[in-house]
């Protein structure tokens, strides 16, 4: 598993500036309130949070940017398992993400990507 390194709110927002888009203030508030986390896996920055349902926990990828997304995605899946998640979800504006996402287990569901953990 690749090294996971926490990053500050400001560093995360800078590293994820393209994918944050118009949600920058909402994401900043989530990070500052500790409702979301920001970290690097290799050269890829992630901003994530968890959602809890009746008997399930889901990892939500709010933003991700950087190099080595496929390799980092494998580590992210292991982290989700360690946190007892049963699924993970990400939304993207990035065209052509389906091929890249499929390489490590994501399946397109409408316009949302999901994977089993």
C-alpha atoms as a PDB file:
ATOM      1  CA  UNK A   1       0.000   0.000   0.000  1.00  0.00           C
ATOM      2  CA  UNK A   2       1.308   3.446  -0.901  1.00  0.00           C
ATOM      3  CA  UNK A   3       2.034   6.006   1.788  1.00  0.00           C
ATOM      4  CA  UNK A   4      -0.921   8.198   2.833  1.00  0.00           C
ATOM      5  CA  UNK A   5       0.081  11.718   3.886  1.00  0.00           C
ATOM      6  CA  UNK A   6      -2.408  14.191   5.419  1.00  0.00           C
ATOM      7  CA  UNK A   7      -2.430  17.694   3.904  1.00  0.00           C
ATOM      8  CA  UNK A   8      -3.789  21.009   5.139  1.00  0.00           C
ATOM      9  CA  UNK A   9      -7.071  22.471   3.925  1.00  0.00           C
ATOM     10  CA  UNK A  10      -5.307  25.168   1.900  1.00  0.00           C
ATOM     11  CA  UNK A  11      -2.865  22.716   0.336  1.00  0.00           C
ATOM     12  CA  UNK A  12      -5.701  20.324  -0.577  1.00  0.00           C
ATOM     13  CA  UNK A  13      -7.785  23.077  -2.142  1.00  0.00           C
ATOM     14  CA  UNK A  14      -4.770  24.212  -4.165  1.00  0.00           C
ATOM     15  CA  UNK A  15      -3.899  20.667  -5.292  1.00  0.00           C
ATOM     16  CA  UNK A  16      -7.545  19.936  -6.196  1.00  0.00           C
ATOM     17  CA  UNK A  17      -8.298  23.360  -7.680  1.00  0.00           C
ATOM     18  CA  UNK A  18      -9.627  22.006 -11.003  1.00  0.00           C
ATOM     19  CA  UNK A  19     -11.919  19.395  -9.497  1.00  0.00           C
ATOM     20  CA  UNK A  20     -13.201  21.542  -6.610  1.00  0.00           C
ATOM     21  CA  UNK A  21     -14.772  23.929  -9.105  1.00  0.00           C
ATOM     22  CA  UNK A  22     -17.686  25.885  -7.585  1.00  0.00           C
ATOM     23  CA  UNK A  23     -17.804  23.840  -4.373  1.00  0.00           C
ATOM     24  CA  UNK A  24     -14.670  25.365  -2.882  1.00  0.00           C
ATOM     25  CA  UNK A  25     -16.355  27.039   0.108  1.00  0.00           C
ATOM     26  CA  UNK A  26     -18.543  24.039   0.968  1.00  0.00           C
ATOM     27  CA  UNK A  27     -15.524  21.747   0.780  1.00  0.00           C
ATOM     28  CA  UNK A  28     -13.433  24.183   2.844  1.00  0.00           C
ATOM     29  CA  UNK A  29     -16.136  24.184   5.547  1.00  0.00           C
ATOM     30  CA  UNK A  30     -16.304  20.374   5.548  1.00  0.00           C
ATOM     31  CA  UNK A  31     -12.526  20.122   5.940  1.00  0.00           C
ATOM     32  CA  UNK A  32     -12.378  22.753   8.685  1.00  0.00           C
ATOM     33  CA  UNK A  33     -15.250  21.074  10.577  1.00  0.00           C
ATOM     34  CA  UNK A  34     -13.427  17.703  10.286  1.00  0.00           C
ATOM     35  CA  UNK A  35     -16.348  16.260   8.302  1.00  0.00           C
ATOM     36  CA  UNK A  36     -13.922  15.595   5.438  1.00  0.00           C
ATOM     37  CA  UNK A  37     -10.252  14.653   5.170  1.00  0.00           C
ATOM     38  CA  UNK A  38      -7.526  15.646   2.729  1.00  0.00           C
ATOM     39  CA  UNK A  39      -4.495  13.508   1.985  1.00  0.00           C
ATOM     40  CA  UNK A  40      -1.970  12.510  -0.639  1.00  0.00           C
ATOM     41  CA  UNK A  41      -1.501   8.995  -1.912  1.00  0.00           C
ATOM     42  CA  UNK A  42       1.678   9.222  -3.942  1.00  0.00           C
ATOM     43  CA  UNK A  43       1.243  12.285  -6.161  1.00  0.00           C
ATOM     44  CA  UNK A  44      -2.562  12.241  -6.067  1.00  0.00           C
ATOM     45  CA  UNK A  45      -4.533  14.417  -3.646  1.00  0.00           C
ATOM     46  CA  UNK A  46      -7.908  13.248  -2.329  1.00  0.00           C
ATOM     47  CA  UNK A  47     -10.612  15.004  -0.344  1.00  0.00           C
ATOM     48  CA  UNK A  48     -12.994  12.430   1.122  1.00  0.00           C
ATOM     49  CA  UNK A  49     -15.749  11.968   3.670  1.00  0.00           C
ATOM     50  CA  UNK A  50     -17.906   9.116   4.935  1.00  0.00           C
ATOM     51  CA  UNK A  51     -21.655   8.649   4.734  1.00  0.00           C
ATOM     52  CA  UNK A  52     -23.419   6.304   7.109  1.00  0.00           C
ATOM     53  CA  UNK A  53     -26.584   4.422   6.249  1.00  0.00           C
ATOM     54  CA  UNK A  54     -28.513   1.823   8.274  1.00  0.00           C
ATOM     55  CA  UNK A  55     -25.990  -1.014   8.065  1.00  0.00           C
ATOM     56  CA  UNK A  56     -23.513   0.447   5.621  1.00  0.00           C
ATOM     57  CA  UNK A  57     -20.726   2.978   5.459  1.00  0.00           C
ATOM     58  CA  UNK A  58     -19.694   4.608   2.186  1.00  0.00           C
ATOM     59  CA  UNK A  59     -16.507   6.426   1.299  1.00  0.00           C
ATOM     60  CA  UNK A  60     -17.264   9.555  -0.737  1.00  0.00           C
ATOM     61  CA  UNK A  61     -14.486  10.934  -2.941  1.00  0.00           C
ATOM     62  CA  UNK A  62     -15.321  14.621  -3.074  1.00  0.00           C
ATOM     63  CA  UNK A  63     -12.269  15.583  -5.152  1.00  0.00           C
ATOM     64  CA  UNK A  64      -9.190  13.914  -6.554  1.00  0.00           C
ATOM     65  CA  UNK A  65      -6.373  15.313  -8.647  1.00  0.00           C
ATOM     66  CA  UNK A  66      -2.832  14.451  -9.503  1.00  0.00           C
ATOM     67  CA  UNK A  67      -0.688  11.800 -11.107  1.00  0.00           C
ATOM     68  CA  UNK A  68      -0.991   8.079 -10.533  1.00  0.00           C
ATOM     69  CA  UNK A  69      -4.745   7.978  -9.948  1.00  0.00           C
ATOM     70  CA  UNK A  70      -5.073   4.270 -10.769  1.00  0.00           C
ATOM     71  CA  UNK A  71      -2.294   3.270  -8.383  1.00  0.00           C
ATOM     72  CA  UNK A  72      -3.613   5.640  -5.700  1.00  0.00           C
ATOM     73  CA  UNK A  73      -7.123   4.277  -6.259  1.00  0.00           C
ATOM     74  CA  UNK A  74      -5.970   0.813  -5.208  1.00  0.00           C
ATOM     75  CA  UNK A  75      -4.681   2.226  -1.922  1.00  0.00           C
ATOM     76  CA  UNK A  76      -7.889   4.203  -1.480  1.00  0.00           C
ATOM     77  CA  UNK A  77      -9.873   0.971  -1.806  1.00  0.00           C
ATOM     78  CA  UNK A  78      -7.731  -0.643   0.900  1.00  0.00           C
ATOM     79  CA  UNK A  79      -8.295   2.378   3.158  1.00  0.00           C
ATOM     80  CA  UNK A  80     -12.045   2.112   2.634  1.00  0.00           C
ATOM     81  CA  UNK A  81     -11.907  -1.548   3.661  1.00  0.00           C
ATOM     82  CA  UNK A  82      -9.926  -0.634   6.786  1.00  0.00           C
ATOM     83  CA  UNK A  83     -12.701   1.830   7.685  1.00  0.00           C
ATOM     84  CA  UNK A  84     -15.342  -0.909   7.233  1.00  0.00           C
ATOM     85  CA  UNK A  85     -16.891   0.688   4.155  1.00  0.00           C
ATOM     86  CA  UNK A  86     -19.130  -1.437   1.983  1.00  0.00           C
ATOM     87  CA  UNK A  87     -18.904   0.905  -1.007  1.00  0.00           C
ATOM     88  CA  UNK A  88     -17.275   4.026  -2.388  1.00  0.00           C
ATOM     89  CA  UNK A  89     -18.679   6.755  -4.598  1.00  0.00           C
ATOM     90  CA  UNK A  90     -17.277   9.619  -6.630  1.00  0.00           C
ATOM     91  CA  UNK A  91     -18.728  12.222  -8.920  1.00  0.00           C
ATOM     92  CA  UNK A  92     -16.682  13.658 -11.756  1.00  0.00           C
ATOM     93  CA  UNK A  93     -16.915  16.263 -14.452  1.00  0.00           C
ATOM     94  CA  UNK A  94     -14.013  14.638 -16.243  1.00  0.00           C
ATOM     95  CA  UNK A  95     -14.881  13.174 -19.621  1.00  0.00           C
ATOM     96  CA  UNK A  96     -13.346   9.800 -20.382  1.00  0.00           C
ATOM     97  CA  UNK A  97     -13.016   8.820 -16.741  1.00  0.00           C
ATOM     98  CA  UNK A  98     -14.824   5.521 -17.333  1.00  0.00           C
ATOM     99  CA  UNK A  99     -11.817   3.682 -18.824  1.00  0.00           C
ATOM    100  CA  UNK A 100      -9.453   4.922 -16.136  1.00  0.00           C
ATOM    101  CA  UNK A 101     -11.906   4.226 -13.312  1.00  0.00           C
ATOM    102  CA  UNK A 102     -12.702   0.728 -14.588  1.00  0.00           C
ATOM    103  CA  UNK A 103      -9.032  -0.219 -14.257  1.00  0.00           C
ATOM    104  CA  UNK A 104      -9.415  -0.460 -10.489  1.00  0.00           C
ATOM    105  CA  UNK A 105     -13.033  -1.523 -10.000  1.00  0.00           C
ATOM    106  CA  UNK A 106     -15.285   1.518 -10.439  1.00  0.00           C
ATOM    107  CA  UNK A 107     -18.503   0.969 -12.369  1.00  0.00           C
ATOM    108  CA  UNK A 108     -20.455   3.817 -13.965  1.00  0.00           C
ATOM    109  CA  UNK A 109     -23.927   4.203 -12.491  1.00  0.00           C
ATOM    110  CA  UNK A 110     -25.770   7.012 -14.240  1.00  0.00           C
ATOM    111  CA  UNK A 111     -23.215   9.833 -13.901  1.00  0.00           C
ATOM    112  CA  UNK A 112     -21.848   8.558 -10.584  1.00  0.00           C
ATOM    113  CA  UNK A 113     -18.988   6.061 -10.254  1.00  0.00           C
ATOM    114  CA  UNK A 114     -19.222   3.390  -7.563  1.00  0.00           C
ATOM    115  CA  UNK A 115     -17.195   0.362  -6.515  1.00  0.00           C
ATOM    116  CA  UNK A 116     -17.659  -2.493  -4.086  1.00  0.00           C
ATOM    117  CA  UNK A 117     -15.315  -2.647  -1.127  1.00  0.00           C
END
